[in-house]
Amino acid sequence: MENSQKRNRNILYWLAIFAAVAVALYFIADRWFPQLVSKFTSLIAGAFLVVTGLFLRKKKRS
């Protein structure tokens, strides 16, 4: 049980580090390439909505 909690904590640490790096890169890129970042953000938001819709549709059918 302890090993599982330690592994989950390590995964959370890695996710937090990855998120911090991603946010930092986002703001750095936003400063140099604002048009590219806005298009990329729109693409990610659209993909998230499509995937969420597909997931909820499958869940509703079950």
PDB file of N, CA and C in Angstrom:
ATOM      1  N   MET A   1       0.821  -1.197   0.000  1.00  0.00           N
ATOM      2  CA  MET A   1       0.000   0.000   0.000  1.00  0.00           C
ATOM      3  C   MET A   1       0.865   1.262   0.000  1.00  0.00           C
ATOM      4  N   GLU A   2       1.910   1.268   0.814  1.00  0.00           N
ATOM      5  CA  GLU A   2       2.792   2.422   0.877  1.00  0.00           C
ATOM      6  C   GLU A   2       3.491   2.663  -0.452  1.00  0.00           C
ATOM      7  N   ASN A   3       3.880   1.578  -1.123  1.00  0.00           N
ATOM      8  CA  ASN A   3       4.561   1.689  -2.407  1.00  0.00           C
ATOM      9  C   ASN A   3       3.652   2.338  -3.444  1.00  0.00           C
ATOM     10  N   SER A   4       2.382   1.997  -3.417  1.00  0.00           N
ATOM     11  CA  SER A   4       1.417   2.572  -4.356  1.00  0.00           C
ATOM     12  C   SER A   4       1.245   4.069  -4.105  1.00  0.00           C
ATOM     13  N   GLN A   5       1.169   4.461  -2.844  1.00  0.00           N
ATOM     14  CA  GLN A   5       1.029   5.883  -2.513  1.00  0.00           C
ATOM     15  C   GLN A   5       2.269   6.664  -2.929  1.00  0.00           C
ATOM     16  N   LYS A   6       3.430   6.062  -2.738  1.00  0.00           N
ATOM     17  CA  LYS A   6       4.672   6.728  -3.121  1.00  0.00           C
ATOM     18  C   LYS A   6       4.730   6.902  -4.635  1.00  0.00           C
ATOM     19  N   ARG A   7       4.297   5.878  -5.357  1.00  0.00           N
ATOM     20  CA  ARG A   7       4.297   5.957  -6.816  1.00  0.00           C
ATOM     21  C   ARG A   7       3.315   7.031  -7.296  1.00  0.00           C
ATOM     22  N   ASN A   8       2.135   7.080  -6.672  1.00  0.00           N
ATOM     23  CA  ASN A   8       1.155   8.100  -7.047  1.00  0.00           C
ATOM     24  C   ASN A   8       1.681   9.503  -6.753  1.00  0.00           C
ATOM     25  N   ARG A   9       2.373   9.651  -5.635  1.00  0.00           N
ATOM     26  CA  ARG A   9       2.944  10.951  -5.282  1.00  0.00           C
ATOM     27  C   ARG A   9       4.011  11.348  -6.301  1.00  0.00           C
ATOM     28  N   ASN A  10       4.839  10.387  -6.726  1.00  0.00           N
ATOM     29  CA  ASN A  10       5.862  10.682  -7.730  1.00  0.00           C
ATOM     30  C   ASN A  10       5.224  11.101  -9.053  1.00  0.00           C
ATOM     31  N   ILE A  11       4.135  10.443  -9.429  1.00  0.00           N
ATOM     32  CA  ILE A  11       3.439  10.809 -10.663  1.00  0.00           C
ATOM     33  C   ILE A  11       2.902  12.232 -10.553  1.00  0.00           C
ATOM     34  N   LEU A  12       2.337  12.577  -9.390  1.00  0.00           N
ATOM     35  CA  LEU A  12       1.833  13.939  -9.200  1.00  0.00           C
ATOM     36  C   LEU A  12       2.957  14.971  -9.263  1.00  0.00           C
ATOM     37  N   TYR A  13       4.119  14.642  -8.695  1.00  0.00           N
ATOM     38  CA  TYR A  13       5.256  15.552  -8.764  1.00  0.00           C
ATOM     39  C   TYR A  13       5.670  15.782 -10.214  1.00  0.00           C
ATOM     40  N   TRP A  14       5.771  14.701 -10.980  1.00  0.00           N
ATOM     41  CA  TRP A  14       6.167  14.825 -12.382  1.00  0.00           C
ATOM     42  C   TRP A  14       5.139  15.621 -13.175  1.00  0.00           C
ATOM     43  N   LEU A  15       3.860  15.402 -12.907  1.00  0.00           N
ATOM     44  CA  LEU A  15       2.818  16.166 -13.595  1.00  0.00           C
ATOM     45  C   LEU A  15       2.894  17.648 -13.242  1.00  0.00           C
ATOM     46  N   ALA A  16       3.172  17.946 -11.977  1.00  0.00           N
ATOM     47  CA  ALA A  16       3.297  19.343 -11.557  1.00  0.00           C
ATOM     48  C   ALA A  16       4.498  20.007 -12.237  1.00  0.00           C
ATOM     49  N   ILE A  17       5.612  19.300 -12.307  1.00  0.00           N
ATOM     50  CA  ILE A  17       6.800  19.837 -12.983  1.00  0.00           C
ATOM     51  C   ILE A  17       6.510  20.059 -14.460  1.00  0.00           C
ATOM     52  N   PHE A  18       5.874  19.068 -15.095  1.00  0.00           N
ATOM     53  CA  PHE A  18       5.535  19.186 -16.511  1.00  0.00           C
ATOM     54  C   PHE A  18       4.595  20.366 -16.750  1.00  0.00           C
ATOM     55  N   ALA A  19       3.606  20.535 -15.887  1.00  0.00           N
ATOM     56  CA  ALA A  19       2.659  21.643 -16.032  1.00  0.00           C
ATOM     57  C   ALA A  19       3.369  22.987 -15.871  1.00  0.00           C
ATOM     58  N   ALA A  20       4.276  23.087 -14.906  1.00  0.00           N
ATOM     59  CA  ALA A  20       5.005  24.340 -14.692  1.00  0.00           C
ATOM     60  C   ALA A  20       5.876  24.680 -15.903  1.00  0.00           C
ATOM     61  N   VAL A  21       6.549  23.684 -16.450  1.00  0.00           N
ATOM     62  CA  VAL A  21       7.379  23.910 -17.636  1.00  0.00           C
ATOM     63  C   VAL A  21       6.505  24.295 -18.828  1.00  0.00           C
ATOM     64  N   ALA A  22       5.369  23.619 -18.983  1.00  0.00           N
ATOM     65  CA  ALA A  22       4.471  23.925 -20.100  1.00  0.00           C
ATOM     66  C   ALA A  22       3.940  25.351 -19.998  1.00  0.00           C
ATOM     67  N   VAL A  23       3.565  25.776 -18.795  1.00  0.00           N
ATOM     68  CA  VAL A  23       3.062  27.145 -18.616  1.00  0.00           C
ATOM     69  C   VAL A  23       4.170  28.157 -18.896  1.00  0.00           C
ATOM     70  N   ALA A  24       5.376  27.880 -18.420  1.00  0.00           N
ATOM     71  CA  ALA A  24       6.495  28.790 -18.671  1.00  0.00           C
ATOM     72  C   ALA A  24       6.784  28.899 -20.169  1.00  0.00           C
ATOM     73  N   LEU A  25       6.816  27.770 -20.863  1.00  0.00           N
ATOM     74  CA  LEU A  25       7.044  27.798 -22.306  1.00  0.00           C
ATOM     75  C   LEU A  25       5.923  28.523 -23.037  1.00  0.00           C
ATOM     76  N   TYR A  26       4.709  28.346 -22.562  1.00  0.00           N
ATOM     77  CA  TYR A  26       3.564  29.023 -23.175  1.00  0.00           C
ATOM     78  C   TYR A  26       3.734  30.539 -23.097  1.00  0.00           C
ATOM     79  N   PHE A  27       4.096  31.053 -21.919  1.00  0.00           N
ATOM     80  CA  PHE A  27       4.237  32.499 -21.769  1.00  0.00           C
ATOM     81  C   PHE A  27       5.459  33.035 -22.513  1.00  0.00           C
ATOM     82  N   ILE A  28       6.528  32.246 -22.576  1.00  0.00           N
ATOM     83  CA  ILE A  28       7.700  32.675 -23.346  1.00  0.00           C
ATOM     84  C   ILE A  28       7.356  32.738 -24.829  1.00  0.00           C
ATOM     85  N   ALA A  29       6.687  31.707 -25.328  1.00  0.00           N
ATOM     86  CA  ALA A  29       6.303  31.691 -26.744  1.00  0.00           C
ATOM     87  C   ALA A  29       5.270  32.774 -27.044  1.00  0.00           C
ATOM     88  N   ASP A  30       4.398  33.045 -26.094  1.00  0.00           N
ATOM     89  CA  ASP A  30       3.380  34.081 -26.294  1.00  0.00           C
ATOM     90  C   ASP A  30       4.024  35.453 -26.485  1.00  0.00           C
ATOM     91  N   ARG A  31       5.135  35.658 -25.846  1.00  0.00           N
ATOM     92  CA  ARG A  31       5.829  36.945 -25.965  1.00  0.00           C
ATOM     93  C   ARG A  31       6.431  37.113 -27.365  1.00  0.00           C
ATOM     94  N   TRP A  32       6.941  36.014 -27.961  1.00  0.00           N
ATOM     95  CA  TRP A  32       7.607  36.095 -29.261  1.00  0.00           C
ATOM     96  C   TRP A  32       6.686  35.786 -30.444  1.00  0.00           C
ATOM     97  N   PHE A  33       5.735  34.863 -30.253  1.00  0.00           N
ATOM     98  CA  PHE A  33       4.874  34.436 -31.360  1.00  0.00           C
ATOM     99  C   PHE A  33       3.404  34.463 -30.944  1.00  0.00           C
ATOM    100  N   PRO A  34       2.814  35.631 -30.743  1.00  0.00           N
ATOM    101  CA  PRO A  34       1.434  35.678 -30.231  1.00  0.00           C
ATOM    102  C   PRO A  34       0.401  35.051 -31.170  1.00  0.00           C
ATOM    103  N   GLN A  35       0.565  35.215 -32.498  1.00  0.00           N
ATOM    104  CA  GLN A  35      -0.403  34.639 -33.430  1.00  0.00           C
ATOM    105  C   GLN A  35      -0.339  33.117 -33.404  1.00  0.00           C
ATOM    106  N   LEU A  36       0.859  32.580 -33.361  1.00  0.00           N
ATOM    107  CA  LEU A  36       1.030  31.128 -33.338  1.00  0.00           C
ATOM    108  C   LEU A  36       0.446  30.532 -32.061  1.00  0.00           C
ATOM    109  N   VAL A  37       0.660  31.201 -30.940  1.00  0.00           N
ATOM    110  CA  VAL A  37       0.151  30.706 -29.659  1.00  0.00           C
ATOM    111  C   VAL A  37      -1.372  30.746 -29.635  1.00  0.00           C
ATOM    112  N   SER A  38      -1.971  31.789 -30.193  1.00  0.00           N
ATOM    113  CA  SER A  38      -3.437  31.851 -30.194  1.00  0.00           C
ATOM    114  C   SER A  38      -4.030  30.747 -31.061  1.00  0.00           C
ATOM    115  N   LYS A  39      -3.404  30.449 -32.196  1.00  0.00           N
ATOM    116  CA  LYS A  39      -3.889  29.350 -33.044  1.00  0.00           C
ATOM    117  C   LYS A  39      -3.714  28.009 -32.337  1.00  0.00           C
ATOM    118  N   PHE A  40      -2.571  27.817 -31.689  1.00  0.00           N
ATOM    119  CA  PHE A  40      -2.311  26.566 -30.979  1.00  0.00           C
ATOM    120  C   PHE A  40      -3.301  26.382 -29.829  1.00  0.00           C
ATOM    121  N   THR A  41      -3.578  27.458 -29.103  1.00  0.00           N
ATOM    122  CA  THR A  41      -4.532  27.390 -27.996  1.00  0.00           C
ATOM    123  C   THR A  41      -5.924  27.035 -28.505  1.00  0.00           C
ATOM    124  N   SER A  42      -6.316  27.616 -29.616  1.00  0.00           N
ATOM    125  CA  SER A  42      -7.615  27.284 -30.210  1.00  0.00           C
ATOM    126  C   SER A  42      -7.664  25.823 -30.631  1.00  0.00           C
ATOM    127  N   LEU A  43      -6.584  25.326 -31.194  1.00  0.00           N
ATOM    128  CA  LEU A  43      -6.515  23.923 -31.603  1.00  0.00           C
ATOM    129  C   LEU A  43      -6.643  22.993 -30.402  1.00  0.00           C
ATOM    130  N   ILE A  44      -5.933  23.287 -29.331  1.00  0.00           N
ATOM    131  CA  ILE A  44      -5.985  22.454 -28.127  1.00  0.00           C
ATOM    132  C   ILE A  44      -7.377  22.497 -27.507  1.00  0.00           C
ATOM    133  N   ALA A  45      -7.972  23.680 -27.425  1.00  0.00           N
ATOM    134  CA  ALA A  45      -9.317  23.800 -26.847  1.00  0.00           C
ATOM    135  C   ALA A  45     -10.336  23.044 -27.691  1.00  0.00           C
ATOM    136  N   GLY A  46     -10.238  23.151 -29.004  1.00  0.00           N
ATOM    137  CA  GLY A  46     -11.152  22.425 -29.887  1.00  0.00           C
ATOM    138  C   GLY A  46     -10.991  20.928 -29.758  1.00  0.00           C
ATOM    139  N   ALA A  47      -9.747  20.460 -29.705  1.00  0.00           N
ATOM    140  CA  ALA A  47      -9.502  19.023 -29.548  1.00  0.00           C
ATOM    141  C   ALA A  47     -10.042  18.530 -28.211  1.00  0.00           C
ATOM    142  N   PHE A  48      -9.882  19.322 -27.168  1.00  0.00           N
ATOM    143  CA  PHE A  48     -10.400  18.946 -25.855  1.00  0.00           C
ATOM    144  C   PHE A  48     -11.916  18.822 -25.887  1.00  0.00           C
ATOM    145  N   LEU A  49     -12.589  19.762 -26.545  1.00  0.00           N
ATOM    146  CA  LEU A  49     -14.048  19.705 -26.639  1.00  0.00           C
ATOM    147  C   LEU A  49     -14.513  18.488 -27.428  1.00  0.00           C
ATOM    148  N   VAL A  50     -13.826  18.171 -28.518  1.00  0.00           N
ATOM    149  CA  VAL A  50     -14.198  17.006 -29.329  1.00  0.00           C
ATOM    150  C   VAL A  50     -14.008  15.721 -28.535  1.00  0.00           C
ATOM    151  N   VAL A  51     -12.862  15.576 -27.888  1.00  0.00           N
ATOM    152  CA  VAL A  51     -12.584  14.358 -27.117  1.00  0.00           C
ATOM    153  C   VAL A  51     -13.564  14.230 -25.958  1.00  0.00           C
ATOM    154  N   THR A  52     -13.847  15.334 -25.277  1.00  0.00           N
ATOM    155  CA  THR A  52     -14.806  15.302 -24.172  1.00  0.00           C
ATOM    156  C   THR A  52     -16.190  14.913 -24.671  1.00  0.00           C
ATOM    157  N   GLY A  53     -16.597  15.478 -25.799  1.00  0.00           N
ATOM    158  CA  GLY A  53     -17.897  15.131 -26.369  1.00  0.00           C
ATOM    159  C   GLY A  53     -17.986  13.666 -26.744  1.00  0.00           C
ATOM    160  N   LEU A  54     -16.932  13.126 -27.338  1.00  0.00           N
ATOM    161  CA  LEU A  54     -16.931  11.705 -27.702  1.00  0.00           C
ATOM    162  C   LEU A  54     -16.979  10.823 -26.461  1.00  0.00           C
ATOM    163  N   PHE A  55     -16.244  11.207 -25.429  1.00  0.00           N
ATOM    164  CA  PHE A  55     -16.226  10.426 -24.198  1.00  0.00           C
ATOM    165  C   PHE A  55     -17.598  10.431 -23.537  1.00  0.00           C
ATOM    166  N   LEU A  56     -18.214  11.605 -23.458  1.00  0.00           N
ATOM    167  CA  LEU A  56     -19.532  11.691 -22.824  1.00  0.00           C
ATOM    168  C   LEU A  56     -20.594  10.972 -23.650  1.00  0.00           C
ATOM    169  N   ARG A  57     -20.462  10.996 -24.967  1.00  0.00           N
ATOM    170  CA  ARG A  57     -21.412  10.295 -25.822  1.00  0.00           C
ATOM    171  C   ARG A  57     -21.324   8.788 -25.582  1.00  0.00           C
ATOM    172  N   LYS A  58     -20.092   8.267 -25.511  1.00  0.00           N
ATOM    173  CA  LYS A  58     -19.910   6.830 -25.251  1.00  0.00           C
ATOM    174  C   LYS A  58     -20.438   6.471 -23.870  1.00  0.00           C
ATOM    175  N   LYS A  59     -20.189   7.332 -22.894  1.00  0.00           N
ATOM    176  CA  LYS A  59     -20.630   7.057 -21.530  1.00  0.00           C
ATOM    177  C   LYS A  59     -22.157   7.089 -21.441  1.00  0.00           C
ATOM    178  N   LYS A  60     -22.789   7.976 -22.196  1.00  0.00           N
ATOM    179  CA  LYS A  60     -24.242   8.097 -22.171  1.00  0.00           C
ATOM    180  C   LYS A  60     -24.898   6.853 -22.773  1.00  0.00           C
ATOM    181  N   ARG A  61     -24.292   6.272 -23.801  1.00  0.00           N
ATOM    182  CA  ARG A  61     -24.833   5.075 -24.444  1.00  0.00           C
ATOM    183  C   ARG A  61     -24.742   3.852 -23.547  1.00  0.00           C
ATOM    184  N   SER A  62     -23.736   3.813 -22.701  1.00  0.00           N
ATOM    185  CA  SER A  62     -23.527   2.625 -21.843  1.00  0.00           C
ATOM    186  C   SER A  62     -24.553   2.528 -20.746  1.00  0.00           C
TER     187      SER A  62
END
